[in-house]
Amino acid sequence: MDRLRLPASLQAKIGALLLGLIAFAQTGVLKKPNTFTLLSLSRQGGDTVAVINYEIPFDGVVELRILGARDSVVYFFQWPSLQGKRQRRLPGTGQLKGTYRYRITYKGRDYEGEVTF
């Protein structure tokens, strides 16, 4: 049974193309850091609900947990978000007063800190 034989020049072009694609995949163009950046989490002006300002590099779901005593969840909210800088009003946060810890989950990574309302 005969194999299909390609001319050597065509084999060289295919090989160069494959090597180029491999080299391109290793560059930073395809490797944006997958991190969540919290810009602010607070009440703004006379608002009774909290507002979160953040930036994400890819579309995805953002989860916010506000933790009370003994790390119990006193507030949970999740929403789909497009990439870029975004602002979101958080319904049901009017009753929160005092200092709390928060945990934000984006793309499987947790970001923690403290917030005062």
N, C-alpha and C. Protein backbone atom coordinates (compact mmCIF):
# COMPACT_ATOMS: atom_id res chain seq x y z
N MET A 1 0.84 -1.17 0.00
CA MET A 1 0.00 0.00 0.00
C MET A 1 0.89 1.24 0.00
N ASP A 2 0.67 2.10 -0.94
CA ASP A 2 1.48 3.31 -1.08
C ASP A 2 0.96 4.41 -0.15
N ARG A 3 1.91 5.16 0.43
CA ARG A 3 1.56 6.31 1.27
C ARG A 3 1.53 7.55 0.40
N LEU A 4 0.74 8.48 0.82
CA LEU A 4 0.71 9.76 0.13
C LEU A 4 2.00 10.50 0.44
N ARG A 5 2.71 10.91 -0.55
CA ARG A 5 3.98 11.61 -0.36
C ARG A 5 3.81 13.07 -0.77
N LEU A 6 4.20 13.93 0.14
CA LEU A 6 4.15 15.37 -0.14
C LEU A 6 5.53 15.81 -0.57
N PRO A 7 5.58 16.79 -1.44
CA PRO A 7 6.90 17.33 -1.83
C PRO A 7 7.61 17.89 -0.60
N ALA A 8 8.90 17.84 -0.59
CA ALA A 8 9.72 18.30 0.55
C ALA A 8 9.45 19.77 0.87
N SER A 9 9.24 20.61 -0.14
CA SER A 9 9.00 22.03 0.12
C SER A 9 7.68 22.23 0.87
N LEU A 10 6.66 21.43 0.54
CA LEU A 10 5.38 21.55 1.23
C LEU A 10 5.50 21.02 2.66
N GLN A 11 6.24 19.96 2.87
CA GLN A 11 6.47 19.44 4.22
C GLN A 11 7.17 20.48 5.08
N ALA A 12 8.16 21.18 4.50
CA ALA A 12 8.88 22.21 5.23
C ALA A 12 7.95 23.36 5.62
N LYS A 13 7.05 23.76 4.71
CA LYS A 13 6.12 24.85 5.01
C LYS A 13 5.14 24.45 6.12
N ILE A 14 4.65 23.22 6.08
CA ILE A 14 3.74 22.75 7.12
C ILE A 14 4.46 22.69 8.47
N GLY A 15 5.70 22.21 8.46
CA GLY A 15 6.49 22.15 9.70
C GLY A 15 6.74 23.53 10.27
N ALA A 16 7.07 24.49 9.42
CA ALA A 16 7.31 25.86 9.87
C ALA A 16 6.04 26.48 10.44
N LEU A 17 4.91 26.20 9.81
CA LEU A 17 3.63 26.72 10.29
C LEU A 17 3.32 26.15 11.68
N LEU A 18 3.49 24.86 11.86
CA LEU A 18 3.24 24.24 13.16
C LEU A 18 4.17 24.78 14.24
N LEU A 19 5.44 24.96 13.92
CA LEU A 19 6.38 25.53 14.89
C LEU A 19 6.01 26.97 15.25
N GLY A 20 5.57 27.71 14.26
CA GLY A 20 5.14 29.09 14.51
C GLY A 20 3.93 29.15 15.43
N LEU A 21 2.97 28.24 15.20
CA LEU A 21 1.79 28.20 16.08
C LEU A 21 2.17 27.82 17.50
N ILE A 22 3.08 26.89 17.65
CA ILE A 22 3.53 26.50 18.99
C ILE A 22 4.24 27.65 19.68
N ALA A 23 5.08 28.37 18.95
CA ALA A 23 5.80 29.50 19.53
C ALA A 23 4.82 30.62 19.93
N PHE A 24 3.79 30.86 19.10
CA PHE A 24 2.80 31.89 19.40
C PHE A 24 2.01 31.54 20.66
N ALA A 25 1.68 30.26 20.82
CA ALA A 25 0.93 29.83 21.99
C ALA A 25 1.73 30.01 23.28
N GLN A 26 3.04 30.06 23.20
CA GLN A 26 3.88 30.23 24.38
C GLN A 26 4.09 31.69 24.75
N THR A 27 3.68 32.63 23.91
CA THR A 27 3.89 34.04 24.19
C THR A 27 2.84 34.55 25.17
N GLY A 28 3.06 35.74 25.70
CA GLY A 28 2.15 36.33 26.67
C GLY A 28 0.85 36.83 26.08
N VAL A 29 0.72 36.83 24.75
CA VAL A 29 -0.50 37.33 24.13
C VAL A 29 -1.70 36.50 24.60
N LEU A 30 -1.51 35.21 24.76
CA LEU A 30 -2.60 34.34 25.15
C LEU A 30 -2.68 34.14 26.66
N LYS A 31 -1.78 34.72 27.41
CA LYS A 31 -1.72 34.45 28.85
C LYS A 31 -1.95 35.71 29.67
N LYS A 32 -3.18 36.26 29.64
CA LYS A 32 -3.53 37.37 30.51
C LYS A 32 -3.65 36.84 31.93
N PRO A 33 -3.23 37.62 32.92
CA PRO A 33 -3.42 37.15 34.30
C PRO A 33 -4.92 37.06 34.61
N ASN A 34 -5.31 35.97 35.23
CA ASN A 34 -6.71 35.71 35.55
C ASN A 34 -6.98 36.16 36.98
N THR A 35 -7.02 37.47 37.19
CA THR A 35 -7.17 37.98 38.54
C THR A 35 -8.33 38.96 38.64
N PHE A 36 -8.93 38.98 39.79
CA PHE A 36 -10.01 39.89 40.14
C PHE A 36 -9.39 41.09 40.84
N THR A 37 -9.77 42.30 40.47
CA THR A 37 -9.27 43.51 41.12
C THR A 37 -10.44 44.26 41.74
N LEU A 38 -10.47 44.33 43.06
CA LEU A 38 -11.51 45.07 43.76
C LEU A 38 -11.11 46.54 43.80
N LEU A 39 -11.95 47.39 43.25
CA LEU A 39 -11.68 48.83 43.26
C LEU A 39 -12.33 49.50 44.47
N SER A 40 -13.55 49.08 44.83
CA SER A 40 -14.18 49.57 46.05
C SER A 40 -15.38 48.70 46.40
N LEU A 41 -15.69 48.67 47.68
CA LEU A 41 -16.88 47.98 48.20
C LEU A 41 -17.36 48.81 49.37
N SER A 42 -18.44 49.58 49.16
CA SER A 42 -18.92 50.48 50.21
C SER A 42 -20.31 50.99 49.84
N ARG A 43 -20.86 51.79 50.74
CA ARG A 43 -22.07 52.54 50.42
C ARG A 43 -21.62 53.87 49.84
N GLN A 44 -22.31 54.30 48.81
CA GLN A 44 -21.93 55.56 48.17
C GLN A 44 -22.99 56.61 48.41
N GLY A 45 -22.56 57.75 48.92
CA GLY A 45 -23.48 58.85 49.16
C GLY A 45 -24.56 58.47 50.14
N GLY A 46 -25.81 58.71 49.77
CA GLY A 46 -26.94 58.40 50.64
C GLY A 46 -27.55 57.04 50.35
N ASP A 47 -26.86 56.21 49.57
CA ASP A 47 -27.40 54.88 49.24
C ASP A 47 -27.58 54.03 50.48
N THR A 48 -28.63 53.24 50.47
CA THR A 48 -28.83 52.29 51.56
C THR A 48 -28.23 50.93 51.21
N VAL A 49 -27.96 50.69 49.92
CA VAL A 49 -27.34 49.42 49.51
C VAL A 49 -25.87 49.66 49.17
N ALA A 50 -25.10 48.61 49.31
CA ALA A 50 -23.67 48.70 49.00
C ALA A 50 -23.46 48.63 47.49
N VAL A 51 -22.34 49.19 47.07
CA VAL A 51 -21.96 49.18 45.66
C VAL A 51 -20.55 48.61 45.57
N ILE A 52 -20.35 47.70 44.61
CA ILE A 52 -19.02 47.12 44.39
C ILE A 52 -18.51 47.58 43.03
N ASN A 53 -17.28 48.04 43.01
CA ASN A 53 -16.58 48.40 41.78
C ASN A 53 -15.40 47.46 41.64
N TYR A 54 -15.23 46.86 40.47
CA TYR A 54 -14.20 45.85 40.28
C TYR A 54 -13.78 45.80 38.82
N GLU A 55 -12.71 45.05 38.57
CA GLU A 55 -12.24 44.84 37.20
C GLU A 55 -11.85 43.37 37.04
N ILE A 56 -12.29 42.76 35.93
CA ILE A 56 -11.93 41.37 35.64
C ILE A 56 -11.45 41.27 34.19
N PRO A 57 -10.50 40.36 33.91
CA PRO A 57 -9.94 40.25 32.56
C PRO A 57 -10.76 39.40 31.61
N PHE A 58 -11.66 38.55 32.12
CA PHE A 58 -12.46 37.67 31.28
C PHE A 58 -13.91 37.67 31.78
N ASP A 59 -14.86 37.36 30.89
CA ASP A 59 -16.25 37.18 31.32
C ASP A 59 -16.31 36.05 32.34
N GLY A 60 -17.20 36.17 33.30
CA GLY A 60 -17.34 35.10 34.28
C GLY A 60 -18.33 35.44 35.37
N VAL A 61 -18.50 34.51 36.28
CA VAL A 61 -19.41 34.70 37.41
C VAL A 61 -18.61 35.18 38.61
N VAL A 62 -19.14 36.18 39.29
CA VAL A 62 -18.52 36.72 40.50
C VAL A 62 -19.43 36.37 41.68
N GLU A 63 -18.85 35.85 42.74
CA GLU A 63 -19.61 35.53 43.95
C GLU A 63 -19.07 36.37 45.10
N LEU A 64 -19.97 36.94 45.87
CA LEU A 64 -19.59 37.74 47.04
C LEU A 64 -20.23 37.13 48.27
N ARG A 65 -19.41 36.87 49.27
CA ARG A 65 -19.88 36.42 50.57
C ARG A 65 -19.42 37.43 51.61
N ILE A 66 -20.35 37.91 52.41
CA ILE A 66 -19.99 38.76 53.54
C ILE A 66 -20.13 37.88 54.78
N LEU A 67 -19.06 37.82 55.54
CA LEU A 67 -18.97 36.88 56.65
C LEU A 67 -19.12 37.60 57.98
N GLY A 68 -19.89 37.00 58.87
CA GLY A 68 -20.10 37.55 60.21
C GLY A 68 -19.22 36.82 61.21
N ALA A 69 -19.74 36.76 62.43
CA ALA A 69 -19.02 36.08 63.51
C ALA A 69 -18.82 34.60 63.16
N ARG A 70 -17.65 34.09 63.53
CA ARG A 70 -17.29 32.69 63.29
C ARG A 70 -17.41 32.31 61.81
N ASP A 71 -17.13 33.25 60.93
CA ASP A 71 -17.15 33.04 59.48
C ASP A 71 -18.48 32.53 58.94
N SER A 72 -19.58 32.85 59.60
CA SER A 72 -20.89 32.50 59.07
C SER A 72 -21.26 33.50 57.97
N VAL A 73 -21.90 33.02 56.95
CA VAL A 73 -22.27 33.87 55.81
C VAL A 73 -23.52 34.66 56.17
N VAL A 74 -23.41 35.99 56.21
CA VAL A 74 -24.56 36.85 56.49
C VAL A 74 -25.15 37.44 55.21
N TYR A 75 -24.39 37.37 54.11
CA TYR A 75 -24.87 37.87 52.83
C TYR A 75 -24.18 37.11 51.72
N PHE A 76 -24.95 36.68 50.72
CA PHE A 76 -24.39 35.99 49.56
C PHE A 76 -25.08 36.51 48.31
N PHE A 77 -24.29 36.80 47.28
CA PHE A 77 -24.85 37.26 46.01
C PHE A 77 -23.88 36.83 44.92
N GLN A 78 -24.41 36.34 43.80
CA GLN A 78 -23.57 36.01 42.65
C GLN A 78 -24.23 36.55 41.39
N TRP A 79 -23.40 36.90 40.41
CA TRP A 79 -23.91 37.48 39.19
C TRP A 79 -22.92 37.24 38.05
N PRO A 80 -23.44 37.11 36.81
CA PRO A 80 -22.55 37.02 35.66
C PRO A 80 -22.03 38.41 35.33
N SER A 81 -20.80 38.47 34.84
CA SER A 81 -20.20 39.77 34.56
C SER A 81 -19.36 39.70 33.29
N LEU A 82 -19.39 40.77 32.54
CA LEU A 82 -18.54 40.89 31.37
C LEU A 82 -17.18 41.41 31.79
N GLN A 83 -16.17 41.18 30.98
CA GLN A 83 -14.82 41.63 31.30
C GLN A 83 -14.74 43.15 31.34
N GLY A 84 -13.74 43.65 32.04
CA GLY A 84 -13.52 45.09 32.13
C GLY A 84 -13.89 45.63 33.50
N LYS A 85 -13.93 46.97 33.59
CA LYS A 85 -14.31 47.62 34.84
C LYS A 85 -15.83 47.65 34.93
N ARG A 86 -16.34 47.24 36.08
CA ARG A 86 -17.79 47.14 36.27
C ARG A 86 -18.19 47.70 37.63
N GLN A 87 -19.47 48.07 37.73
CA GLN A 87 -20.05 48.52 38.99
C GLN A 87 -21.36 47.76 39.18
N ARG A 88 -21.61 47.33 40.41
CA ARG A 88 -22.83 46.56 40.68
C ARG A 88 -23.40 46.97 42.03
N ARG A 89 -24.69 47.29 42.03
CA ARG A 89 -25.39 47.55 43.29
C ARG A 89 -25.76 46.21 43.90
N LEU A 90 -25.59 46.07 45.19
CA LEU A 90 -25.83 44.80 45.88
C LEU A 90 -27.13 44.87 46.67
N PRO A 91 -28.21 44.27 46.14
CA PRO A 91 -29.50 44.36 46.82
C PRO A 91 -29.47 43.64 48.16
N GLY A 92 -30.24 44.14 49.11
CA GLY A 92 -30.36 43.49 50.40
C GLY A 92 -29.22 43.76 51.36
N THR A 93 -28.38 44.76 51.09
CA THR A 93 -27.26 45.06 51.98
C THR A 93 -27.55 46.24 52.90
N GLY A 94 -28.76 46.77 52.85
CA GLY A 94 -29.11 47.93 53.66
C GLY A 94 -29.07 47.65 55.15
N GLN A 95 -29.32 46.41 55.56
CA GLN A 95 -29.35 46.07 56.99
C GLN A 95 -27.96 45.82 57.56
N LEU A 96 -26.94 45.72 56.73
CA LEU A 96 -25.58 45.45 57.22
C LEU A 96 -24.96 46.72 57.79
N LYS A 97 -24.56 46.64 59.05
CA LYS A 97 -23.89 47.75 59.71
C LYS A 97 -22.75 47.19 60.54
N GLY A 98 -21.60 47.83 60.47
CA GLY A 98 -20.45 47.35 61.23
C GLY A 98 -19.34 46.90 60.30
N THR A 99 -18.39 46.17 60.86
CA THR A 99 -17.23 45.68 60.10
C THR A 99 -17.39 44.18 59.85
N TYR A 100 -17.17 43.79 58.62
CA TYR A 100 -17.31 42.39 58.21
C TYR A 100 -16.11 41.98 57.38
N ARG A 101 -15.87 40.67 57.35
CA ARG A 101 -14.91 40.13 56.39
C ARG A 101 -15.70 39.77 55.13
N TYR A 102 -15.03 39.82 53.97
CA TYR A 102 -15.69 39.40 52.74
C TYR A 102 -14.80 38.39 52.02
N ARG A 103 -15.44 37.58 51.20
CA ARG A 103 -14.74 36.64 50.33
C ARG A 103 -15.39 36.74 48.95
N ILE A 104 -14.59 37.10 47.96
CA ILE A 104 -15.06 37.19 46.58
C ILE A 104 -14.44 36.03 45.81
N THR A 105 -15.26 35.29 45.09
CA THR A 105 -14.78 34.16 44.29
C THR A 105 -14.97 34.48 42.81
N TYR A 106 -13.88 34.34 42.06
CA TYR A 106 -13.90 34.57 40.62
C TYR A 106 -12.99 33.54 39.97
N LYS A 107 -13.54 32.77 39.05
CA LYS A 107 -12.79 31.73 38.32
C LYS A 107 -12.07 30.77 39.27
N GLY A 108 -12.75 30.41 40.37
CA GLY A 108 -12.20 29.43 41.29
C GLY A 108 -11.19 29.95 42.29
N ARG A 109 -10.89 31.24 42.26
CA ARG A 109 -9.94 31.82 43.21
C ARG A 109 -10.68 32.72 44.19
N ASP A 110 -10.28 32.67 45.45
CA ASP A 110 -10.89 33.50 46.48
C ASP A 110 -10.04 34.73 46.77
N TYR A 111 -10.70 35.85 46.97
CA TYR A 111 -10.06 37.11 47.33
C TYR A 111 -10.75 37.58 48.61
N GLU A 112 -9.97 37.78 49.66
CA GLU A 112 -10.54 38.09 50.97
C GLU A 112 -10.07 39.44 51.46
N GLY A 113 -10.87 40.04 52.35
CA GLY A 113 -10.52 41.31 52.95
C GLY A 113 -11.56 41.69 53.98
N GLU A 114 -11.57 42.96 54.35
CA GLU A 114 -12.47 43.45 55.38
C GLU A 114 -13.14 44.73 54.88
N VAL A 115 -14.40 44.90 55.25
CA VAL A 115 -15.17 46.05 54.82
C VAL A 115 -16.00 46.58 55.98
N THR A 116 -16.19 47.89 56.06
CA THR A 116 -17.01 48.52 57.09
C THR A 116 -18.17 49.25 56.41
N PHE A 117 -19.36 48.94 56.86
CA PHE A 117 -20.57 49.61 56.32
C PHE A 117 -21.10 50.59 57.33
